[in-house]
């Protein structure tokens, strides 16, 4: 399953998960309590901040796994041109249906998703491998350095090298990557 969204962890949900994990030490209790706690976790997820989105994914049913396949392919080939028509056809969907379902599952279009993957990877390359912005941009599929710089600044709020320098000087933010 792919990540849908991120929200703060609710204390009640955390408590239920911890109780479920603790049942590993008591197999006799686990047989009786695990199904009840699992049901509580599902309830808390469905009534929590992401409940609407989870219900929407459940309604999509069989489409979700096809979108998950598309996401996996985009992650693998993020640096390649995005053949939306071909991808939709391979998934047995119309282009408009693919766009609609992709946006429902990921909250962005396939092109926005690919762009974010490319820029995140470029950021990783500059931070982790010491690449300059132009080299990182080329490596993730941007042929035009100025286009890469504009897109990077739009996503991260600063030009590539300024952003990387800021991250290197901020131990807390670097650890989060």
N, C-alpha and C. Protein backbone atom coordinates (compact mmCIF):
# COMPACT_ATOMS: atom_id res chain seq x y z
N UNK A 1 0.85 -1.19 0.00
CA UNK A 1 0.00 0.00 0.00
C UNK A 1 0.88 1.23 0.00
N UNK A 2 0.46 2.28 -0.63
CA UNK A 2 1.23 3.49 -0.68
C UNK A 2 0.81 4.45 0.41
N UNK A 3 1.70 5.36 0.75
CA UNK A 3 1.38 6.37 1.75
C UNK A 3 0.36 7.33 1.15
N UNK A 4 -0.63 7.68 1.94
CA UNK A 4 -1.70 8.53 1.46
C UNK A 4 -1.49 9.97 1.89
N UNK A 5 -1.26 10.16 3.15
CA UNK A 5 -1.13 11.50 3.69
C UNK A 5 -0.51 11.37 5.07
N UNK A 6 -0.15 12.49 5.65
CA UNK A 6 0.46 12.48 6.97
C UNK A 6 -0.33 13.40 7.87
N UNK A 7 -0.61 12.94 9.09
CA UNK A 7 -1.32 13.72 10.09
C UNK A 7 -0.67 13.47 11.43
N UNK A 8 -0.89 14.37 12.38
CA UNK A 8 -0.39 14.09 13.73
C UNK A 8 -1.03 12.82 14.27
N UNK A 9 -0.26 12.06 15.05
CA UNK A 9 -0.75 10.81 15.61
C UNK A 9 -1.66 11.10 16.80
N UNK A 10 -2.87 10.57 16.74
CA UNK A 10 -3.85 10.73 17.81
C UNK A 10 -3.42 9.86 19.00
N UNK A 11 -3.54 10.39 20.21
CA UNK A 11 -3.12 9.67 21.42
C UNK A 11 -3.89 8.36 21.59
N UNK A 12 -5.18 8.37 21.29
CA UNK A 12 -5.98 7.15 21.42
C UNK A 12 -5.53 6.07 20.45
N UNK A 13 -5.19 6.46 19.24
CA UNK A 13 -4.70 5.50 18.25
C UNK A 13 -3.36 4.93 18.69
N UNK A 14 -2.47 5.79 19.15
CA UNK A 14 -1.17 5.33 19.63
C UNK A 14 -1.34 4.34 20.78
N UNK A 15 -2.23 4.65 21.71
CA UNK A 15 -2.48 3.77 22.84
C UNK A 15 -2.94 2.39 22.36
N UNK A 16 -3.86 2.36 21.41
CA UNK A 16 -4.37 1.09 20.90
C UNK A 16 -3.26 0.29 20.21
N UNK A 17 -2.44 0.96 19.42
CA UNK A 17 -1.35 0.27 18.73
C UNK A 17 -0.36 -0.31 19.75
N UNK A 18 -0.03 0.47 20.76
CA UNK A 18 0.90 -0.01 21.80
C UNK A 18 0.31 -1.22 22.52
N UNK A 19 -0.98 -1.18 22.84
CA UNK A 19 -1.63 -2.33 23.49
C UNK A 19 -1.59 -3.56 22.59
N UNK A 20 -1.79 -3.36 21.29
CA UNK A 20 -1.75 -4.49 20.36
C UNK A 20 -0.33 -5.08 20.30
N UNK A 21 0.66 -4.25 20.24
CA UNK A 21 2.04 -4.73 20.19
C UNK A 21 2.41 -5.47 21.47
N UNK A 22 1.94 -5.00 22.62
CA UNK A 22 2.24 -5.65 23.90
C UNK A 22 1.64 -7.04 24.00
N UNK A 23 0.64 -7.32 23.21
CA UNK A 23 0.02 -8.65 23.24
C UNK A 23 0.95 -9.74 22.74
N UNK A 24 2.03 -9.36 22.09
CA UNK A 24 3.00 -10.34 21.61
C UNK A 24 3.54 -11.15 22.79
N UNK A 25 3.67 -10.50 23.94
CA UNK A 25 4.20 -11.18 25.14
C UNK A 25 3.20 -12.09 25.83
N UNK A 26 1.92 -11.99 25.48
CA UNK A 26 0.89 -12.80 26.14
C UNK A 26 -0.01 -13.44 25.09
N UNK A 27 0.45 -14.54 24.50
CA UNK A 27 -0.31 -15.19 23.41
C UNK A 27 -1.72 -15.60 23.81
N UNK A 28 -1.95 -15.98 25.05
CA UNK A 28 -3.29 -16.38 25.48
C UNK A 28 -4.24 -15.20 25.40
N UNK A 29 -3.80 -14.04 25.92
CA UNK A 29 -4.62 -12.83 25.84
C UNK A 29 -4.78 -12.37 24.39
N UNK A 30 -3.72 -12.55 23.61
CA UNK A 30 -3.72 -12.06 22.23
C UNK A 30 -4.86 -12.66 21.41
N UNK A 31 -5.14 -13.95 21.62
CA UNK A 31 -6.21 -14.60 20.84
C UNK A 31 -7.55 -13.92 21.04
N UNK A 32 -7.80 -13.45 22.24
CA UNK A 32 -9.08 -12.82 22.55
C UNK A 32 -9.05 -11.32 22.27
N UNK A 33 -7.98 -10.65 22.72
CA UNK A 33 -7.94 -9.19 22.67
C UNK A 33 -7.49 -8.61 21.33
N UNK A 34 -6.62 -9.30 20.60
CA UNK A 34 -6.09 -8.74 19.34
C UNK A 34 -7.20 -8.36 18.35
N UNK A 35 -8.20 -9.21 18.13
CA UNK A 35 -9.26 -8.79 17.20
C UNK A 35 -10.01 -7.54 17.67
N UNK A 36 -10.21 -7.44 18.99
CA UNK A 36 -10.92 -6.28 19.53
C UNK A 36 -10.09 -5.00 19.38
N UNK A 37 -8.80 -5.10 19.69
CA UNK A 37 -7.94 -3.93 19.57
C UNK A 37 -7.76 -3.55 18.10
N UNK A 38 -7.64 -4.53 17.23
CA UNK A 38 -7.54 -4.26 15.80
C UNK A 38 -8.79 -3.52 15.33
N UNK A 39 -9.93 -3.97 15.79
CA UNK A 39 -11.18 -3.29 15.43
C UNK A 39 -11.19 -1.84 15.95
N UNK A 40 -10.67 -1.63 17.16
CA UNK A 40 -10.57 -0.28 17.71
C UNK A 40 -9.64 0.59 16.85
N UNK A 41 -8.53 0.02 16.41
CA UNK A 41 -7.58 0.77 15.57
C UNK A 41 -8.25 1.19 14.27
N UNK A 42 -8.96 0.26 13.64
CA UNK A 42 -9.67 0.58 12.39
C UNK A 42 -10.70 1.67 12.65
N UNK A 43 -11.43 1.55 13.75
CA UNK A 43 -12.42 2.58 14.10
C UNK A 43 -11.75 3.94 14.26
N UNK A 44 -10.66 3.99 15.00
CA UNK A 44 -9.96 5.26 15.23
C UNK A 44 -9.42 5.84 13.93
N UNK A 45 -8.93 4.98 13.05
CA UNK A 45 -8.44 5.46 11.75
C UNK A 45 -9.58 6.04 10.92
N UNK A 46 -10.70 5.35 10.90
CA UNK A 46 -11.83 5.81 10.08
C UNK A 46 -12.52 7.05 10.63
N UNK A 47 -12.45 7.26 11.93
CA UNK A 47 -13.08 8.44 12.52
C UNK A 47 -12.07 9.57 12.75
N UNK A 48 -10.81 9.32 12.45
CA UNK A 48 -9.77 10.33 12.64
C UNK A 48 -9.67 11.28 11.46
N UNK A 49 -8.62 12.07 11.49
CA UNK A 49 -8.41 13.12 10.49
C UNK A 49 -8.35 12.57 9.06
N UNK A 50 -7.82 11.38 8.88
CA UNK A 50 -7.70 10.79 7.54
C UNK A 50 -8.85 9.85 7.19
N UNK A 51 -9.87 9.79 8.05
CA UNK A 51 -10.97 8.87 7.83
C UNK A 51 -11.65 9.03 6.48
N UNK A 52 -11.92 10.26 6.10
CA UNK A 52 -12.57 10.50 4.81
C UNK A 52 -11.76 9.96 3.65
N UNK A 53 -10.47 10.20 3.70
CA UNK A 53 -9.60 9.73 2.63
C UNK A 53 -9.52 8.20 2.62
N UNK A 54 -9.46 7.57 3.78
CA UNK A 54 -9.43 6.11 3.85
C UNK A 54 -10.72 5.51 3.30
N UNK A 55 -11.86 6.13 3.66
CA UNK A 55 -13.14 5.63 3.13
C UNK A 55 -13.19 5.78 1.61
N UNK A 56 -12.65 6.89 1.12
CA UNK A 56 -12.62 7.12 -0.32
C UNK A 56 -11.77 6.05 -1.02
N UNK A 57 -10.63 5.71 -0.42
CA UNK A 57 -9.79 4.66 -0.99
C UNK A 57 -10.51 3.31 -0.99
N UNK A 58 -11.24 3.04 0.08
CA UNK A 58 -11.98 1.78 0.16
C UNK A 58 -13.04 1.69 -0.94
N UNK A 59 -13.69 2.83 -1.21
CA UNK A 59 -14.72 2.86 -2.25
C UNK A 59 -14.10 2.62 -3.64
N UNK A 60 -12.88 3.12 -3.83
CA UNK A 60 -12.23 2.92 -5.13
C UNK A 60 -11.95 1.45 -5.41
N UNK A 61 -11.79 0.66 -4.36
CA UNK A 61 -11.62 -0.78 -4.51
C UNK A 61 -10.48 -1.16 -5.42
N UNK A 62 -10.82 -1.82 -6.53
CA UNK A 62 -9.83 -2.37 -7.44
C UNK A 62 -8.97 -1.34 -8.14
N UNK A 63 -9.41 -0.11 -8.18
CA UNK A 63 -8.63 0.92 -8.86
C UNK A 63 -7.38 1.27 -8.06
N UNK A 64 -7.47 1.19 -6.74
CA UNK A 64 -6.36 1.59 -5.89
C UNK A 64 -5.09 0.81 -6.19
N UNK A 65 -5.22 -0.50 -6.38
CA UNK A 65 -4.01 -1.29 -6.66
C UNK A 65 -3.40 -0.91 -8.01
N UNK A 66 -4.24 -0.52 -8.96
CA UNK A 66 -3.69 -0.10 -10.25
C UNK A 66 -2.95 1.23 -10.12
N UNK A 67 -3.47 2.13 -9.31
CA UNK A 67 -2.79 3.40 -9.06
C UNK A 67 -1.50 3.14 -8.29
N UNK A 68 -1.52 2.19 -7.36
CA UNK A 68 -0.30 1.82 -6.63
C UNK A 68 0.75 1.30 -7.60
N UNK A 69 0.32 0.54 -8.61
CA UNK A 69 1.26 0.07 -9.64
C UNK A 69 1.85 1.24 -10.41
N UNK A 70 1.00 2.22 -10.73
CA UNK A 70 1.48 3.41 -11.46
C UNK A 70 2.48 4.19 -10.61
N UNK A 71 2.19 4.32 -9.32
CA UNK A 71 3.10 5.02 -8.41
C UNK A 71 4.44 4.30 -8.35
N UNK A 72 4.40 2.97 -8.25
CA UNK A 72 5.65 2.19 -8.21
C UNK A 72 6.45 2.40 -9.49
N UNK A 73 5.76 2.41 -10.61
CA UNK A 73 6.47 2.63 -11.88
C UNK A 73 7.05 4.03 -11.95
N UNK A 74 6.30 5.03 -11.52
CA UNK A 74 6.82 6.40 -11.51
C UNK A 74 8.02 6.52 -10.59
N UNK A 75 7.99 5.85 -9.47
CA UNK A 75 9.14 5.88 -8.55
C UNK A 75 10.37 5.26 -9.20
N UNK A 76 10.15 4.18 -9.93
CA UNK A 76 11.26 3.48 -10.58
C UNK A 76 11.83 4.27 -11.75
N UNK A 77 10.96 4.87 -12.55
CA UNK A 77 11.38 5.55 -13.78
C UNK A 77 11.14 7.06 -13.71
N UNK A 78 11.32 7.66 -12.53
CA UNK A 78 11.01 9.08 -12.35
C UNK A 78 11.80 9.99 -13.27
N UNK A 79 12.98 9.54 -13.70
CA UNK A 79 13.84 10.40 -14.52
C UNK A 79 13.54 10.29 -16.02
N UNK A 80 12.57 9.47 -16.37
CA UNK A 80 12.19 9.28 -17.77
C UNK A 80 10.97 10.14 -18.12
N UNK A 81 10.76 10.43 -19.41
CA UNK A 81 9.53 11.15 -19.79
C UNK A 81 8.30 10.37 -19.32
N UNK A 82 7.26 11.10 -18.97
CA UNK A 82 6.05 10.48 -18.43
C UNK A 82 5.05 10.19 -19.54
N UNK A 83 4.91 8.91 -19.92
CA UNK A 83 3.96 8.53 -20.98
C UNK A 83 2.58 8.25 -20.39
N UNK A 84 1.82 9.29 -20.04
CA UNK A 84 0.54 9.12 -19.35
C UNK A 84 -0.41 8.23 -20.17
N UNK A 85 -0.49 8.47 -21.46
CA UNK A 85 -1.40 7.67 -22.31
C UNK A 85 -1.03 6.19 -22.26
N UNK A 86 0.25 5.90 -22.39
CA UNK A 86 0.72 4.51 -22.37
C UNK A 86 0.47 3.88 -21.00
N UNK A 87 0.77 4.62 -19.94
CA UNK A 87 0.57 4.12 -18.58
C UNK A 87 -0.90 3.83 -18.32
N UNK A 88 -1.77 4.74 -18.71
CA UNK A 88 -3.21 4.55 -18.53
C UNK A 88 -3.68 3.31 -19.30
N UNK A 89 -3.21 3.17 -20.53
CA UNK A 89 -3.60 2.03 -21.36
C UNK A 89 -3.14 0.72 -20.71
N UNK A 90 -1.89 0.69 -20.20
CA UNK A 90 -1.37 -0.52 -19.55
C UNK A 90 -2.17 -0.89 -18.30
N UNK A 91 -2.73 0.13 -17.65
CA UNK A 91 -3.52 -0.12 -16.44
C UNK A 91 -4.98 -0.41 -16.77
N UNK A 92 -5.33 -0.35 -18.06
CA UNK A 92 -6.71 -0.61 -18.46
C UNK A 92 -7.64 0.52 -18.11
N UNK A 93 -7.14 1.76 -18.18
CA UNK A 93 -7.94 2.92 -17.82
C UNK A 93 -7.87 3.96 -18.94
N UNK A 94 -8.88 4.81 -18.99
CA UNK A 94 -8.82 5.95 -19.89
C UNK A 94 -7.85 6.97 -19.29
N UNK A 95 -7.36 7.87 -20.11
CA UNK A 95 -6.44 8.90 -19.61
C UNK A 95 -7.13 9.76 -18.56
N UNK A 96 -8.36 10.17 -18.83
CA UNK A 96 -9.07 11.02 -17.87
C UNK A 96 -9.37 10.25 -16.58
N UNK A 97 -9.75 8.98 -16.70
CA UNK A 97 -9.99 8.16 -15.51
C UNK A 97 -8.73 7.95 -14.70
N UNK A 98 -7.63 7.72 -15.39
CA UNK A 98 -6.34 7.56 -14.72
C UNK A 98 -6.00 8.82 -13.94
N UNK A 99 -6.12 9.98 -14.60
CA UNK A 99 -5.82 11.25 -13.92
C UNK A 99 -6.70 11.44 -12.69
N UNK A 100 -7.99 11.17 -12.85
CA UNK A 100 -8.94 11.36 -11.74
C UNK A 100 -8.60 10.45 -10.56
N UNK A 101 -8.38 9.17 -10.84
CA UNK A 101 -8.10 8.22 -9.75
C UNK A 101 -6.72 8.48 -9.15
N UNK A 102 -5.75 8.84 -9.97
CA UNK A 102 -4.41 9.13 -9.46
C UNK A 102 -4.49 10.31 -8.48
N UNK A 103 -5.22 11.35 -8.87
CA UNK A 103 -5.36 12.53 -8.01
C UNK A 103 -6.10 12.18 -6.72
N UNK A 104 -7.09 11.31 -6.80
CA UNK A 104 -7.84 10.92 -5.61
C UNK A 104 -6.93 10.19 -4.61
N UNK A 105 -6.07 9.32 -5.11
CA UNK A 105 -5.21 8.53 -4.24
C UNK A 105 -4.01 9.33 -3.73
N UNK A 106 -3.41 10.14 -4.59
CA UNK A 106 -2.16 10.82 -4.21
C UNK A 106 -2.32 12.30 -3.91
N UNK A 107 -3.47 12.87 -4.19
CA UNK A 107 -3.74 14.30 -4.01
C UNK A 107 -2.92 15.17 -4.96
N UNK A 108 -2.44 14.59 -6.07
CA UNK A 108 -1.76 15.37 -7.09
C UNK A 108 -1.85 14.64 -8.42
N UNK A 109 -1.56 15.37 -9.49
CA UNK A 109 -1.60 14.76 -10.82
C UNK A 109 -0.35 13.89 -11.01
N UNK A 110 -0.36 12.98 -12.00
CA UNK A 110 0.84 12.18 -12.25
C UNK A 110 2.07 13.05 -12.54
N UNK A 111 1.88 14.12 -13.28
CA UNK A 111 3.01 15.00 -13.59
C UNK A 111 3.53 15.70 -12.33
N UNK A 112 2.64 16.17 -11.48
CA UNK A 112 3.07 16.79 -10.22
C UNK A 112 3.80 15.78 -9.35
N UNK A 113 3.29 14.55 -9.32
CA UNK A 113 3.92 13.49 -8.54
C UNK A 113 5.33 13.23 -9.04
N UNK A 114 5.46 13.09 -10.37
CA UNK A 114 6.77 12.84 -10.95
C UNK A 114 7.73 14.00 -10.67
N UNK A 115 7.23 15.21 -10.79
CA UNK A 115 8.06 16.39 -10.55
C UNK A 115 8.56 16.38 -9.10
N UNK A 116 7.67 16.06 -8.17
CA UNK A 116 8.08 16.03 -6.77
C UNK A 116 9.12 14.94 -6.52
N UNK A 117 8.93 13.78 -7.15
CA UNK A 117 9.93 12.71 -7.02
C UNK A 117 11.28 13.17 -7.54
N UNK A 118 11.29 13.79 -8.71
CA UNK A 118 12.54 14.27 -9.31
C UNK A 118 13.24 15.28 -8.42
N UNK A 119 12.48 16.23 -7.92
CA UNK A 119 13.09 17.28 -7.10
C UNK A 119 13.57 16.76 -5.76
N UNK A 120 12.84 15.83 -5.16
CA UNK A 120 13.29 15.22 -3.91
C UNK A 120 14.59 14.44 -4.14
N UNK A 121 14.65 13.71 -5.24
CA UNK A 121 15.86 12.95 -5.55
C UNK A 121 17.03 13.89 -5.84
N UNK A 122 16.78 14.98 -6.55
CA UNK A 122 17.85 15.95 -6.82
C UNK A 122 18.37 16.51 -5.50
N UNK A 123 17.47 16.82 -4.60
CA UNK A 123 17.87 17.34 -3.28
C UNK A 123 18.73 16.32 -2.56
N UNK A 124 18.32 15.06 -2.62
CA UNK A 124 19.10 13.99 -1.98
C UNK A 124 20.48 13.87 -2.60
N UNK A 125 20.56 13.96 -3.93
CA UNK A 125 21.85 13.87 -4.62
C UNK A 125 22.78 15.02 -4.24
N UNK A 126 22.23 16.21 -4.13
CA UNK A 126 23.06 17.36 -3.77
C UNK A 126 23.53 17.25 -2.32
N UNK A 127 22.64 16.82 -1.44
CA UNK A 127 23.01 16.68 -0.02
C UNK A 127 23.91 15.47 0.22
N UNK A 128 23.50 14.34 -0.31
CA UNK A 128 24.19 13.09 -0.01
C UNK A 128 25.41 12.80 -0.84
N UNK A 129 25.39 13.21 -2.11
CA UNK A 129 26.51 12.89 -2.99
C UNK A 129 27.31 14.12 -3.41
N UNK A 130 26.91 15.28 -2.91
CA UNK A 130 27.66 16.50 -3.18
C UNK A 130 27.58 17.00 -4.62
N UNK A 131 26.57 16.59 -5.36
CA UNK A 131 26.42 17.06 -6.74
C UNK A 131 26.04 18.53 -6.77
N UNK A 132 26.46 19.22 -7.82
CA UNK A 132 26.01 20.60 -8.01
C UNK A 132 24.61 20.55 -8.60
N UNK A 133 23.93 21.70 -8.61
CA UNK A 133 22.53 21.75 -9.04
C UNK A 133 22.35 21.29 -10.48
N UNK A 134 23.21 21.74 -11.38
CA UNK A 134 23.06 21.38 -12.80
C UNK A 134 23.19 19.87 -12.99
N UNK A 135 24.18 19.26 -12.33
CA UNK A 135 24.38 17.80 -12.46
C UNK A 135 23.21 17.03 -11.86
N UNK A 136 22.74 17.47 -10.70
CA UNK A 136 21.61 16.80 -10.06
C UNK A 136 20.37 16.91 -10.95
N UNK A 137 20.14 18.10 -11.50
CA UNK A 137 19.00 18.30 -12.39
C UNK A 137 19.04 17.39 -13.59
N UNK A 138 20.20 17.28 -14.21
CA UNK A 138 20.35 16.40 -15.37
C UNK A 138 20.10 14.94 -14.98
N UNK A 139 20.63 14.55 -13.84
CA UNK A 139 20.52 13.17 -13.42
C UNK A 139 19.08 12.75 -13.14
N UNK A 140 18.24 13.70 -12.74
CA UNK A 140 16.84 13.35 -12.45
C UNK A 140 15.90 13.63 -13.62
N UNK A 141 16.46 14.02 -14.76
CA UNK A 141 15.63 14.16 -15.96
C UNK A 141 15.36 15.56 -16.44
N UNK A 142 15.95 16.57 -15.82
CA UNK A 142 15.76 17.95 -16.29
C UNK A 142 16.88 18.28 -17.28
N UNK A 143 16.51 18.57 -18.52
CA UNK A 143 17.49 18.93 -19.54
C UNK A 143 17.88 20.40 -19.47
N UNK A 144 17.04 21.22 -18.89
CA UNK A 144 17.24 22.67 -18.83
C UNK A 144 17.49 23.08 -17.38
N UNK A 145 18.71 23.58 -17.10
CA UNK A 145 19.09 23.94 -15.73
C UNK A 145 18.21 25.05 -15.16
N UNK A 146 17.86 26.04 -15.97
CA UNK A 146 17.04 27.13 -15.44
C UNK A 146 15.63 26.65 -15.09
N UNK A 147 15.09 25.73 -15.88
CA UNK A 147 13.79 25.13 -15.57
C UNK A 147 13.88 24.35 -14.26
N UNK A 148 14.94 23.59 -14.11
CA UNK A 148 15.15 22.84 -12.87
C UNK A 148 15.21 23.80 -11.67
N UNK A 149 15.99 24.87 -11.80
CA UNK A 149 16.13 25.83 -10.70
C UNK A 149 14.79 26.45 -10.32
N UNK A 150 13.99 26.83 -11.34
CA UNK A 150 12.67 27.42 -11.07
C UNK A 150 11.77 26.43 -10.34
N UNK A 151 11.71 25.20 -10.81
CA UNK A 151 10.85 24.18 -10.20
C UNK A 151 11.31 23.86 -8.77
N UNK A 152 12.61 23.79 -8.60
CA UNK A 152 13.17 23.49 -7.27
C UNK A 152 12.80 24.60 -6.29
N UNK A 153 13.00 25.85 -6.71
CA UNK A 153 12.70 26.98 -5.84
C UNK A 153 11.20 27.02 -5.51
N UNK A 154 10.36 26.69 -6.47
CA UNK A 154 8.92 26.68 -6.24
C UNK A 154 8.55 25.64 -5.17
N UNK A 155 9.19 24.48 -5.20
CA UNK A 155 8.85 23.43 -4.24
C UNK A 155 9.48 23.67 -2.87
N UNK A 156 10.76 24.03 -2.85
CA UNK A 156 11.48 24.12 -1.57
C UNK A 156 11.64 25.54 -1.04
N UNK A 157 11.26 26.54 -1.81
CA UNK A 157 11.30 27.91 -1.32
C UNK A 157 12.63 28.62 -1.45
N UNK A 158 13.62 27.96 -2.04
CA UNK A 158 14.93 28.58 -2.22
C UNK A 158 15.62 27.90 -3.41
N UNK A 159 16.54 28.61 -4.08
CA UNK A 159 17.29 27.97 -5.16
C UNK A 159 18.05 26.75 -4.62
N UNK A 160 18.36 25.80 -5.48
CA UNK A 160 18.95 24.52 -5.03
C UNK A 160 20.14 24.66 -4.08
N UNK A 161 21.16 25.41 -4.46
CA UNK A 161 22.36 25.44 -3.62
C UNK A 161 22.11 26.18 -2.30
N UNK A 162 21.24 27.20 -2.31
CA UNK A 162 20.91 27.87 -1.05
C UNK A 162 20.16 26.92 -0.12
N UNK A 163 19.24 26.17 -0.68
CA UNK A 163 18.47 25.21 0.10
C UNK A 163 19.38 24.14 0.70
N UNK A 164 20.26 23.60 -0.11
CA UNK A 164 21.17 22.55 0.36
C UNK A 164 22.09 23.09 1.45
N UNK A 165 22.59 24.29 1.26
CA UNK A 165 23.46 24.91 2.27
C UNK A 165 22.70 25.11 3.58
N UNK A 166 21.46 25.56 3.48
CA UNK A 166 20.62 25.75 4.66
C UNK A 166 20.41 24.42 5.38
N UNK A 167 20.14 23.36 4.62
CA UNK A 167 19.93 22.05 5.23
C UNK A 167 21.19 21.52 5.88
N UNK A 168 22.32 21.74 5.25
CA UNK A 168 23.59 21.28 5.82
C UNK A 168 23.90 22.00 7.13
N UNK A 169 23.48 23.24 7.25
CA UNK A 169 23.76 24.02 8.45
C UNK A 169 22.70 23.84 9.53
N UNK A 170 21.67 23.09 9.24
CA UNK A 170 20.60 22.88 10.21
C UNK A 170 20.54 21.39 10.54
N UNK A 171 21.14 20.95 11.65
CA UNK A 171 21.19 19.52 11.96
C UNK A 171 19.81 18.88 12.08
N UNK A 172 18.84 19.62 12.63
CA UNK A 172 17.50 19.05 12.80
C UNK A 172 16.86 18.73 11.46
N UNK A 173 16.94 19.65 10.49
CA UNK A 173 16.31 19.43 9.18
C UNK A 173 17.05 18.36 8.41
N UNK A 174 18.37 18.30 8.50
CA UNK A 174 19.13 17.28 7.79
C UNK A 174 18.77 15.90 8.29
N UNK A 175 18.55 15.75 9.59
CA UNK A 175 18.20 14.46 10.16
C UNK A 175 16.84 13.98 9.66
N UNK A 176 15.94 14.92 9.35
CA UNK A 176 14.60 14.57 8.89
C UNK A 176 14.62 13.99 7.49
N UNK A 177 15.63 14.29 6.70
CA UNK A 177 15.71 13.76 5.35
C UNK A 177 16.18 12.34 5.41
